[in-house]
Amino acid sequence: MAHISKEDVEHVAHLARLSVSDEDLEKLTAELDAIIGFAEQLDELDTTEVEPTSHVLDIHNVLREDTIQPSLDREEALKNAPDQKDGQVKVPSVLE
């Protein structure tokens, strides 16, 4: 069973740009070590008869078939636009 060391916690804190006090370092080391211990218990499970899954629920594609359908013509799409130019909706500039 791998144990989490103070150095491991300090390294992760450094990567996350976190400042950790010595008191918190002790607490986090113990908590992370317990979490890893719980996760390692999964290795004890016999999963030889379990099929691999990508999701815990039986999910299937619920999208409709792609079919070509008529769409709005340009004039119809632009008729409610407050301002238009060259067949496109004209909007205020957002770049300076």
C-alpha atoms as a PDB file:
ATOM      1  CA  MET A   1       0.000   0.000   0.000  1.00  0.00           C
ATOM      2  CA  ALA A   2       1.494   3.326  -1.066  1.00  0.00           C
ATOM      3  CA  HIS A   3       1.569   6.038   1.566  1.00  0.00           C
ATOM      4  CA  ILE A   4       1.313   9.754   0.949  1.00  0.00           C
ATOM      5  CA  SER A   5       4.273  11.650   2.367  1.00  0.00           C
ATOM      6  CA  LYS A   6       4.513  15.285   3.422  1.00  0.00           C
ATOM      7  CA  GLU A   7       6.772  15.830   0.432  1.00  0.00           C
ATOM      8  CA  ASP A   8       4.043  14.528  -1.893  1.00  0.00           C
ATOM      9  CA  VAL A   9       1.516  16.943  -0.406  1.00  0.00           C
ATOM     10  CA  GLU A  10       3.984  19.835  -0.608  1.00  0.00           C
ATOM     11  CA  HIS A  11       4.696  18.989  -4.254  1.00  0.00           C
ATOM     12  CA  VAL A  12       0.988  18.885  -5.175  1.00  0.00           C
ATOM     13  CA  ALA A  13       0.373  22.114  -3.254  1.00  0.00           C
ATOM     14  CA  HIS A  14       3.225  23.747  -5.157  1.00  0.00           C
ATOM     15  CA  LEU A  15       1.814  22.574  -8.504  1.00  0.00           C
ATOM     16  CA  ALA A  16      -1.603  23.953  -7.520  1.00  0.00           C
ATOM     17  CA  ARG A  17       0.021  27.195  -6.368  1.00  0.00           C
ATOM     18  CA  LEU A  18      -1.353  26.708  -2.825  1.00  0.00           C
ATOM     19  CA  SER A  19       0.245  27.924   0.364  1.00  0.00           C
ATOM     20  CA  VAL A  20      -0.085  25.229   3.036  1.00  0.00           C
ATOM     21  CA  SER A  21       0.819  25.747   6.701  1.00  0.00           C
ATOM     22  CA  ASP A  22       2.668  23.056   8.648  1.00  0.00           C
ATOM     23  CA  GLU A  23      -0.524  22.265  10.587  1.00  0.00           C
ATOM     24  CA  ASP A  24      -2.546  21.897   7.384  1.00  0.00           C
ATOM     25  CA  LEU A  25       0.256  19.859   5.841  1.00  0.00           C
ATOM     26  CA  GLU A  26      -0.036  17.268   8.624  1.00  0.00           C
ATOM     27  CA  LYS A  27      -3.826  17.171   8.284  1.00  0.00           C
ATOM     28  CA  LEU A  28      -3.793  16.939   4.476  1.00  0.00           C
ATOM     29  CA  THR A  29      -1.156  14.202   4.535  1.00  0.00           C
ATOM     30  CA  ALA A  30      -3.323  12.053   6.816  1.00  0.00           C
ATOM     31  CA  GLU A  31      -6.520  12.768   4.856  1.00  0.00           C
ATOM     32  CA  LEU A  32      -4.987  12.070   1.446  1.00  0.00           C
ATOM     33  CA  ASP A  33      -3.359   8.913   2.747  1.00  0.00           C
ATOM     34  CA  ALA A  34      -6.784   7.719   3.969  1.00  0.00           C
ATOM     35  CA  ILE A  35      -8.377   8.537   0.599  1.00  0.00           C
ATOM     36  CA  ILE A  36      -5.699   6.605  -1.284  1.00  0.00           C
ATOM     37  CA  GLY A  37      -6.167   3.713   1.148  1.00  0.00           C
ATOM     38  CA  PHE A  38      -9.893   3.585   0.413  1.00  0.00           C
ATOM     39  CA  ALA A  39      -9.239   3.714  -3.330  1.00  0.00           C
ATOM     40  CA  GLU A  40      -6.720   0.869  -3.059  1.00  0.00           C
ATOM     41  CA  GLN A  41      -9.419  -1.332  -1.526  1.00  0.00           C
ATOM     42  CA  LEU A  42     -10.932  -1.491  -5.012  1.00  0.00           C
ATOM     43  CA  ASP A  43      -7.945  -3.608  -6.094  1.00  0.00           C
ATOM     44  CA  GLU A  44      -9.210  -6.371  -3.804  1.00  0.00           C
ATOM     45  CA  LEU A  45     -12.455  -6.758  -5.782  1.00  0.00           C
ATOM     46  CA  ASP A  46     -12.759  -9.686  -8.161  1.00  0.00           C
ATOM     47  CA  THR A  47     -13.762  -8.107 -11.465  1.00  0.00           C
ATOM     48  CA  THR A  48     -12.958 -11.024 -13.777  1.00  0.00           C
ATOM     49  CA  GLU A  49     -16.635 -11.545 -14.689  1.00  0.00           C
ATOM     50  CA  VAL A  50     -17.458  -7.849 -15.011  1.00  0.00           C
ATOM     51  CA  GLU A  51     -17.636  -6.385 -18.504  1.00  0.00           C
ATOM     52  CA  PRO A  52     -15.814  -3.083 -18.977  1.00  0.00           C
ATOM     53  CA  THR A  53     -18.117  -0.092 -19.323  1.00  0.00           C
ATOM     54  CA  SER A  54     -17.688   3.512 -20.254  1.00  0.00           C
ATOM     55  CA  HIS A  55     -20.613   4.597 -18.083  1.00  0.00           C
ATOM     56  CA  VAL A  56     -22.497   3.152 -15.139  1.00  0.00           C
ATOM     57  CA  LEU A  57     -25.826   3.568 -16.924  1.00  0.00           C
ATOM     58  CA  ASP A  58     -26.886   1.843 -20.125  1.00  0.00           C
ATOM     59  CA  ILE A  59     -26.747   4.832 -22.438  1.00  0.00           C
ATOM     60  CA  HIS A  60     -27.402   4.767 -26.148  1.00  0.00           C
ATOM     61  CA  ASN A  61     -27.434   7.427 -28.811  1.00  0.00           C
ATOM     62  CA  VAL A  62     -30.796   9.191 -28.707  1.00  0.00           C
ATOM     63  CA  LEU A  63     -30.155  11.615 -31.546  1.00  0.00           C
ATOM     64  CA  ARG A  64     -32.307  11.586 -34.635  1.00  0.00           C
ATOM     65  CA  GLU A  65     -30.980  10.615 -38.025  1.00  0.00           C
ATOM     66  CA  ASP A  66     -29.295  13.397 -39.950  1.00  0.00           C
ATOM     67  CA  THR A  67     -31.614  14.362 -42.784  1.00  0.00           C
ATOM     68  CA  ILE A  68     -31.463  17.288 -45.142  1.00  0.00           C
ATOM     69  CA  GLN A  69     -34.341  19.676 -44.536  1.00  0.00           C
ATOM     70  CA  PRO A  70     -35.135  23.062 -46.015  1.00  0.00           C
ATOM     71  CA  SER A  71     -33.909  26.015 -43.994  1.00  0.00           C
ATOM     72  CA  LEU A  72     -34.753  29.704 -43.937  1.00  0.00           C
ATOM     73  CA  ASP A  73     -33.618  31.696 -46.914  1.00  0.00           C
ATOM     74  CA  ARG A  74     -31.363  34.652 -46.228  1.00  0.00           C
ATOM     75  CA  GLU A  75     -34.059  37.312 -46.634  1.00  0.00           C
ATOM     76  CA  GLU A  76     -36.396  35.497 -44.226  1.00  0.00           C
ATOM     77  CA  ALA A  77     -33.641  35.087 -41.636  1.00  0.00           C
ATOM     78  CA  LEU A  78     -32.603  38.754 -41.845  1.00  0.00           C
ATOM     79  CA  LYS A  79     -36.051  40.363 -41.956  1.00  0.00           C
ATOM     80  CA  ASN A  80     -36.155  40.909 -38.156  1.00  0.00           C
ATOM     81  CA  ALA A  81     -32.498  41.899 -37.789  1.00  0.00           C
ATOM     82  CA  PRO A  82     -32.248  45.450 -36.427  1.00  0.00           C
ATOM     83  CA  ASP A  83     -29.360  46.254 -38.773  1.00  0.00           C
ATOM     84  CA  GLN A  84     -27.877  44.380 -41.714  1.00  0.00           C
ATOM     85  CA  LYS A  85     -25.241  44.888 -44.366  1.00  0.00           C
ATOM     86  CA  ASP A  86     -24.250  42.738 -47.348  1.00  0.00           C
ATOM     87  CA  GLY A  87     -26.651  39.958 -46.342  1.00  0.00           C
ATOM     88  CA  GLN A  88     -25.355  39.663 -42.787  1.00  0.00           C
ATOM     89  CA  VAL A  89     -26.500  40.907 -39.386  1.00  0.00           C
ATOM     90  CA  LYS A  90     -24.550  44.032 -38.478  1.00  0.00           C
ATOM     91  CA  VAL A  91     -23.559  44.269 -34.802  1.00  0.00           C
ATOM     92  CA  PRO A  92     -21.561  46.854 -32.856  1.00  0.00           C
ATOM     93  CA  SER A  93     -17.814  46.342 -32.860  1.00  0.00           C
ATOM     94  CA  VAL A  94     -16.488  44.737 -29.691  1.00  0.00           C
ATOM     95  CA  LEU A  95     -12.809  45.294 -30.489  1.00  0.00           C
ATOM     96  CA  GLU A  96     -11.066  48.594 -30.008  1.00  0.00           C
END
